[in-house]
């Protein structure tokens, strides 16, 4: 089994900010979305729509308690990601997992969704 996509529901203005964040900061791009009722976007990594954004005026934060902490992505260009985060003024923290040879970046999207981005160290 593979993870297919995540879906984030938000009011119109926040959904637009979320789209801008995922496209401009994390490097996804808007692509085909079936003609579903209601507004929304499918954001792609390559040819896969991995983030779905859906309009919902009823969601002002998460009205149910839950345990989902964050979603994680993987990149190959850590320097570029950090430059985009800095340019956008987005707060983040980093951690290096030497046993895995990986650097992790932790941040929050405009809807306060927890985001982790992993980057394997470049071979020496």
N, C-alpha and C. Protein backbone atom coordinates (compact mmCIF):
# COMPACT_ATOMS: atom_id res chain seq x y z
N UNK A 1 0.84 -1.18 0.00
CA UNK A 1 0.00 0.00 0.00
C UNK A 1 0.89 1.24 0.00
N UNK A 2 0.50 2.24 -0.80
CA UNK A 2 1.21 3.51 -0.86
C UNK A 2 0.27 4.64 -0.48
N UNK A 3 0.83 5.69 0.07
CA UNK A 3 0.05 6.89 0.34
C UNK A 3 -0.28 7.54 -1.00
N UNK A 4 -1.54 7.86 -1.23
CA UNK A 4 -1.98 8.41 -2.50
C UNK A 4 -1.96 9.93 -2.51
N UNK A 5 -2.57 10.56 -1.50
CA UNK A 5 -2.59 12.02 -1.41
C UNK A 5 -3.05 12.43 -0.02
N UNK A 6 -2.87 13.71 0.28
CA UNK A 6 -3.46 14.30 1.46
C UNK A 6 -4.49 15.32 0.99
N UNK A 7 -5.51 15.59 1.78
CA UNK A 7 -6.53 16.58 1.45
C UNK A 7 -6.61 17.58 2.60
N UNK A 8 -6.56 18.84 2.25
CA UNK A 8 -6.66 19.91 3.24
C UNK A 8 -7.88 20.74 2.87
N UNK A 9 -8.80 20.93 3.83
CA UNK A 9 -9.99 21.75 3.61
C UNK A 9 -9.78 23.09 4.32
N UNK A 10 -10.17 24.17 3.62
CA UNK A 10 -9.97 25.50 4.19
C UNK A 10 -10.91 26.49 3.52
N UNK A 11 -11.19 27.62 4.20
CA UNK A 11 -11.95 28.70 3.58
C UNK A 11 -11.18 29.26 2.37
N UNK A 12 -11.88 29.99 1.50
CA UNK A 12 -11.32 30.44 0.22
C UNK A 12 -9.97 31.14 0.34
N UNK A 13 -9.87 32.18 1.16
CA UNK A 13 -8.61 32.93 1.25
C UNK A 13 -7.47 32.05 1.77
N UNK A 14 -7.78 31.22 2.73
CA UNK A 14 -6.75 30.34 3.30
C UNK A 14 -6.36 29.25 2.31
N UNK A 15 -7.33 28.77 1.52
CA UNK A 15 -7.03 27.77 0.50
C UNK A 15 -6.07 28.36 -0.54
N UNK A 16 -6.27 29.62 -0.91
CA UNK A 16 -5.37 30.27 -1.87
C UNK A 16 -3.97 30.41 -1.29
N UNK A 17 -3.89 30.78 0.00
CA UNK A 17 -2.58 30.89 0.66
C UNK A 17 -1.90 29.52 0.73
N UNK A 18 -2.68 28.49 0.97
CA UNK A 18 -2.15 27.13 1.04
C UNK A 18 -1.62 26.70 -0.34
N UNK A 19 -2.37 27.02 -1.38
CA UNK A 19 -1.93 26.71 -2.75
C UNK A 19 -0.61 27.42 -3.05
N UNK A 20 -0.53 28.70 -2.72
CA UNK A 20 0.69 29.46 -2.96
C UNK A 20 1.86 28.86 -2.20
N UNK A 21 1.64 28.47 -0.95
CA UNK A 21 2.68 27.86 -0.13
C UNK A 21 3.20 26.57 -0.77
N UNK A 22 2.29 25.67 -1.11
CA UNK A 22 2.71 24.38 -1.65
C UNK A 22 3.38 24.52 -3.02
N UNK A 23 2.94 25.49 -3.82
CA UNK A 23 3.53 25.67 -5.15
C UNK A 23 4.82 26.48 -5.11
N UNK A 24 4.78 27.65 -4.47
CA UNK A 24 5.95 28.52 -4.49
C UNK A 24 7.04 28.11 -3.52
N UNK A 25 6.66 27.57 -2.38
CA UNK A 25 7.66 27.23 -1.37
C UNK A 25 8.10 25.77 -1.49
N UNK A 26 7.15 24.85 -1.63
CA UNK A 26 7.51 23.43 -1.68
C UNK A 26 7.69 22.91 -3.10
N UNK A 27 7.38 23.72 -4.12
CA UNK A 27 7.70 23.35 -5.48
C UNK A 27 6.70 22.44 -6.19
N UNK A 28 5.48 22.29 -5.63
CA UNK A 28 4.45 21.52 -6.34
C UNK A 28 3.87 22.41 -7.44
N UNK A 29 3.04 21.84 -8.31
CA UNK A 29 2.39 22.63 -9.35
C UNK A 29 0.94 22.20 -9.50
N UNK A 30 0.11 23.20 -9.86
CA UNK A 30 -1.31 22.92 -10.06
C UNK A 30 -1.49 22.11 -11.33
N UNK A 31 -2.40 21.14 -11.27
CA UNK A 31 -2.66 20.31 -12.43
C UNK A 31 -4.12 19.93 -12.52
N UNK A 32 -4.38 18.97 -13.37
CA UNK A 32 -5.74 18.53 -13.65
C UNK A 32 -6.47 18.13 -12.37
N UNK A 33 -7.72 18.56 -12.28
CA UNK A 33 -8.63 18.15 -11.20
C UNK A 33 -9.96 17.84 -11.87
N UNK A 34 -10.53 16.67 -11.61
CA UNK A 34 -11.83 16.36 -12.20
C UNK A 34 -12.87 17.42 -11.84
N UNK A 35 -13.94 17.45 -12.55
CA UNK A 35 -14.99 18.44 -12.36
C UNK A 35 -15.86 18.06 -11.16
N UNK A 36 -15.25 18.13 -9.98
CA UNK A 36 -15.98 17.85 -8.74
C UNK A 36 -16.84 19.05 -8.37
N UNK A 37 -17.92 18.80 -7.61
CA UNK A 37 -18.66 19.96 -7.09
C UNK A 37 -17.77 20.70 -6.08
N UNK A 38 -17.89 21.98 -6.06
CA UNK A 38 -17.08 22.76 -5.12
C UNK A 38 -15.73 23.10 -5.71
N UNK A 39 -15.14 24.14 -5.15
CA UNK A 39 -13.83 24.60 -5.61
C UNK A 39 -12.72 23.79 -4.97
N UNK A 40 -11.59 23.80 -5.65
CA UNK A 40 -10.43 23.13 -5.11
C UNK A 40 -9.30 23.05 -6.12
N UNK A 41 -8.21 22.48 -5.69
CA UNK A 41 -7.02 22.32 -6.53
C UNK A 41 -6.43 20.94 -6.27
N UNK A 42 -5.80 20.41 -7.28
CA UNK A 42 -4.92 19.26 -7.11
C UNK A 42 -3.52 19.76 -7.41
N UNK A 43 -2.63 19.54 -6.47
CA UNK A 43 -1.24 19.98 -6.60
C UNK A 43 -0.36 18.77 -6.81
N UNK A 44 0.46 18.86 -7.83
CA UNK A 44 1.24 17.72 -8.30
C UNK A 44 2.72 17.83 -7.97
N UNK A 45 3.30 16.66 -7.77
CA UNK A 45 4.75 16.48 -7.74
C UNK A 45 5.03 15.57 -8.94
N UNK A 46 5.64 16.13 -9.96
CA UNK A 46 5.78 15.37 -11.21
C UNK A 46 4.40 15.13 -11.79
N UNK A 47 4.06 13.86 -12.02
CA UNK A 47 2.75 13.56 -12.60
C UNK A 47 1.76 12.99 -11.58
N UNK A 48 2.08 13.15 -10.29
CA UNK A 48 1.21 12.63 -9.23
C UNK A 48 0.55 13.77 -8.44
N UNK A 49 -0.79 13.76 -8.34
CA UNK A 49 -1.49 14.78 -7.55
C UNK A 49 -1.46 14.39 -6.06
N UNK A 50 -0.47 14.90 -5.34
CA UNK A 50 -0.26 14.43 -3.96
C UNK A 50 -0.91 15.29 -2.89
N UNK A 51 -1.27 16.53 -3.22
CA UNK A 51 -1.95 17.40 -2.26
C UNK A 51 -3.24 17.90 -2.92
N UNK A 52 -4.36 17.61 -2.27
CA UNK A 52 -5.66 18.11 -2.73
C UNK A 52 -6.08 19.22 -1.76
N UNK A 53 -6.55 20.31 -2.32
CA UNK A 53 -7.08 21.42 -1.52
C UNK A 53 -8.56 21.55 -1.85
N UNK A 54 -9.39 21.64 -0.83
CA UNK A 54 -10.84 21.71 -1.02
C UNK A 54 -11.41 22.89 -0.24
N UNK A 55 -12.31 23.62 -0.89
CA UNK A 55 -12.98 24.74 -0.25
C UNK A 55 -13.97 24.22 0.79
N UNK A 56 -13.89 24.78 1.99
CA UNK A 56 -14.84 24.45 3.04
C UNK A 56 -14.88 25.61 4.02
N UNK A 57 -15.98 26.32 4.00
CA UNK A 57 -16.15 27.43 4.95
C UNK A 57 -16.43 26.92 6.36
N UNK A 58 -16.74 25.65 6.50
CA UNK A 58 -17.05 25.08 7.81
C UNK A 58 -15.80 24.71 8.60
N UNK A 59 -14.66 24.69 7.97
CA UNK A 59 -13.44 24.29 8.66
C UNK A 59 -12.67 25.53 9.11
N UNK A 60 -12.69 25.79 10.38
CA UNK A 60 -11.88 26.85 10.98
C UNK A 60 -10.99 26.15 11.99
N UNK A 61 -9.93 25.56 11.50
CA UNK A 61 -9.12 24.69 12.33
C UNK A 61 -9.75 23.31 12.30
N UNK A 62 -9.24 22.43 13.07
CA UNK A 62 -9.76 21.07 13.11
C UNK A 62 -10.75 20.98 14.26
N UNK A 63 -12.01 20.75 13.93
CA UNK A 63 -13.02 20.72 14.99
C UNK A 63 -13.05 19.40 15.75
N UNK A 64 -12.29 18.42 15.30
CA UNK A 64 -12.22 17.13 16.01
C UNK A 64 -10.82 16.94 16.55
N UNK A 65 -10.72 16.35 17.71
CA UNK A 65 -9.41 16.00 18.22
C UNK A 65 -8.87 14.84 17.39
N UNK A 66 -7.59 14.83 17.20
CA UNK A 66 -6.99 13.77 16.40
C UNK A 66 -5.53 13.60 16.76
N UNK A 67 -4.88 12.70 16.05
CA UNK A 67 -3.51 12.37 16.35
C UNK A 67 -2.56 12.58 15.19
N UNK A 68 -3.08 13.01 14.04
CA UNK A 68 -2.19 13.27 12.91
C UNK A 68 -1.31 14.46 13.25
N UNK A 69 -0.02 14.24 13.25
CA UNK A 69 0.93 15.28 13.63
C UNK A 69 1.45 16.07 12.43
N UNK A 70 1.78 15.37 11.36
CA UNK A 70 2.36 16.05 10.20
C UNK A 70 2.34 15.12 8.98
N UNK A 71 2.63 15.71 7.83
CA UNK A 71 2.87 14.94 6.61
C UNK A 71 4.30 15.22 6.19
N UNK A 72 4.91 14.24 5.54
CA UNK A 72 6.32 14.38 5.17
C UNK A 72 6.50 14.24 3.66
N UNK A 73 7.42 15.02 3.16
CA UNK A 73 7.80 14.99 1.76
C UNK A 73 9.30 14.75 1.69
N UNK A 74 9.79 14.43 0.50
CA UNK A 74 11.23 14.24 0.31
C UNK A 74 11.68 15.10 -0.85
N UNK A 75 12.84 15.71 -0.71
CA UNK A 75 13.41 16.54 -1.77
C UNK A 75 14.85 16.12 -2.00
N UNK A 76 15.40 16.59 -3.10
CA UNK A 76 16.81 16.31 -3.39
C UNK A 76 17.65 17.57 -3.33
N UNK A 77 17.03 18.74 -3.14
CA UNK A 77 17.77 20.00 -3.16
C UNK A 77 17.48 20.80 -1.89
N UNK A 78 18.19 20.46 -0.84
CA UNK A 78 18.01 21.11 0.45
C UNK A 78 18.30 22.60 0.39
N UNK A 79 19.38 22.97 -0.27
CA UNK A 79 19.77 24.38 -0.33
C UNK A 79 18.66 25.22 -0.97
N UNK A 80 18.10 24.74 -2.08
CA UNK A 80 17.02 25.47 -2.76
C UNK A 80 15.80 25.61 -1.86
N UNK A 81 15.42 24.53 -1.18
CA UNK A 81 14.27 24.59 -0.27
C UNK A 81 14.49 25.62 0.82
N UNK A 82 15.65 25.61 1.44
CA UNK A 82 15.93 26.56 2.53
C UNK A 82 15.90 28.00 2.02
N UNK A 83 16.40 28.23 0.81
CA UNK A 83 16.35 29.57 0.23
C UNK A 83 14.91 30.03 0.02
N UNK A 84 14.05 29.12 -0.47
CA UNK A 84 12.64 29.48 -0.69
C UNK A 84 11.94 29.74 0.64
N UNK A 85 12.24 28.95 1.66
CA UNK A 85 11.64 29.18 2.99
C UNK A 85 12.07 30.53 3.54
N UNK A 86 13.37 30.82 3.44
CA UNK A 86 13.88 32.11 3.94
C UNK A 86 13.27 33.28 3.16
N UNK A 87 13.20 33.16 1.84
CA UNK A 87 12.63 34.23 1.02
C UNK A 87 11.17 34.49 1.37
N UNK A 88 10.43 33.42 1.69
CA UNK A 88 9.02 33.56 2.05
C UNK A 88 8.83 33.95 3.51
N UNK A 89 9.90 34.02 4.29
CA UNK A 89 9.80 34.39 5.69
C UNK A 89 9.12 33.33 6.55
N UNK A 90 9.28 32.08 6.17
CA UNK A 90 8.62 30.98 6.89
C UNK A 90 9.56 30.43 7.96
N UNK A 91 9.04 30.34 9.18
CA UNK A 91 9.81 29.77 10.28
C UNK A 91 9.92 28.26 10.11
N UNK A 92 11.09 27.72 10.40
CA UNK A 92 11.31 26.28 10.32
C UNK A 92 12.43 25.89 11.27
N UNK A 93 12.50 24.62 11.54
CA UNK A 93 13.62 24.09 12.31
C UNK A 93 14.21 22.92 11.53
N UNK A 94 15.45 22.60 11.84
CA UNK A 94 16.12 21.50 11.15
C UNK A 94 16.65 20.49 12.15
N UNK A 95 16.81 19.29 11.67
CA UNK A 95 17.40 18.22 12.46
C UNK A 95 18.18 17.33 11.52
N UNK A 96 19.32 16.86 11.96
CA UNK A 96 20.09 15.94 11.14
C UNK A 96 20.06 14.56 11.79
N UNK A 97 19.70 13.56 11.01
CA UNK A 97 19.66 12.18 11.49
C UNK A 97 20.85 11.47 10.86
N UNK A 98 21.96 11.46 11.58
CA UNK A 98 23.20 10.92 11.01
C UNK A 98 23.08 9.44 10.67
N UNK A 99 22.32 8.68 11.45
CA UNK A 99 22.18 7.25 11.18
C UNK A 99 21.52 6.99 9.82
N UNK A 100 20.69 7.92 9.36
CA UNK A 100 20.03 7.79 8.07
C UNK A 100 20.68 8.65 6.99
N UNK A 101 21.64 9.49 7.39
CA UNK A 101 22.26 10.40 6.42
C UNK A 101 21.23 11.34 5.83
N UNK A 102 20.43 11.95 6.71
CA UNK A 102 19.29 12.74 6.25
C UNK A 102 19.13 14.00 7.09
N UNK A 103 18.77 15.09 6.43
CA UNK A 103 18.41 16.33 7.11
C UNK A 103 16.90 16.49 7.01
N UNK A 104 16.29 16.87 8.12
CA UNK A 104 14.85 17.07 8.19
C UNK A 104 14.56 18.55 8.44
N UNK A 105 13.55 19.06 7.74
CA UNK A 105 13.08 20.43 7.93
C UNK A 105 11.64 20.32 8.45
N UNK A 106 11.32 21.06 9.50
CA UNK A 106 9.98 21.05 10.10
C UNK A 106 9.40 22.46 10.03
N UNK A 107 8.14 22.55 9.57
CA UNK A 107 7.48 23.85 9.43
C UNK A 107 5.98 23.64 9.44
N UNK A 108 5.24 24.73 9.32
CA UNK A 108 3.78 24.68 9.25
C UNK A 108 3.32 25.44 8.02
N UNK A 109 2.30 24.90 7.38
CA UNK A 109 1.70 25.57 6.23
C UNK A 109 0.77 26.67 6.74
N UNK A 110 0.20 27.49 5.84
CA UNK A 110 -0.73 28.53 6.29
C UNK A 110 -1.93 28.00 7.08
N UNK A 111 -2.36 26.75 6.83
CA UNK A 111 -3.47 26.18 7.60
C UNK A 111 -2.97 25.52 8.88
N UNK A 112 -1.72 25.71 9.21
CA UNK A 112 -1.03 25.14 10.38
C UNK A 112 -0.83 23.63 10.28
N UNK A 113 -0.95 23.07 9.08
CA UNK A 113 -0.64 21.66 8.88
C UNK A 113 0.85 21.45 9.10
N UNK A 114 1.19 20.47 9.90
CA UNK A 114 2.60 20.15 10.15
C UNK A 114 3.23 19.54 8.90
N UNK A 115 4.36 20.11 8.49
CA UNK A 115 5.07 19.66 7.29
C UNK A 115 6.49 19.28 7.68
N UNK A 116 6.92 18.12 7.20
CA UNK A 116 8.31 17.68 7.34
C UNK A 116 8.84 17.46 5.93
N UNK A 117 10.03 17.96 5.66
CA UNK A 117 10.68 17.70 4.38
C UNK A 117 12.03 17.07 4.67
N UNK A 118 12.25 15.90 4.05
CA UNK A 118 13.49 15.16 4.25
C UNK A 118 14.37 15.26 3.02
N UNK A 119 15.68 15.32 3.27
CA UNK A 119 16.65 15.36 2.18
C UNK A 119 17.83 14.48 2.55
N UNK A 120 18.07 13.46 1.74
CA UNK A 120 19.24 12.61 1.96
C UNK A 120 20.49 13.42 1.69
N UNK A 121 21.53 13.19 2.49
CA UNK A 121 22.78 13.89 2.30
C UNK A 121 23.35 13.57 0.92
N UNK A 122 23.98 14.56 0.30
CA UNK A 122 24.61 14.33 -0.99
C UNK A 122 25.81 13.41 -0.81
N UNK A 123 25.99 12.47 -1.74
CA UNK A 123 27.16 11.58 -1.62
C UNK A 123 28.45 12.37 -1.71
N UNK A 124 29.43 11.91 -0.98
CA UNK A 124 30.73 12.62 -0.99
C UNK A 124 31.70 11.98 -1.94
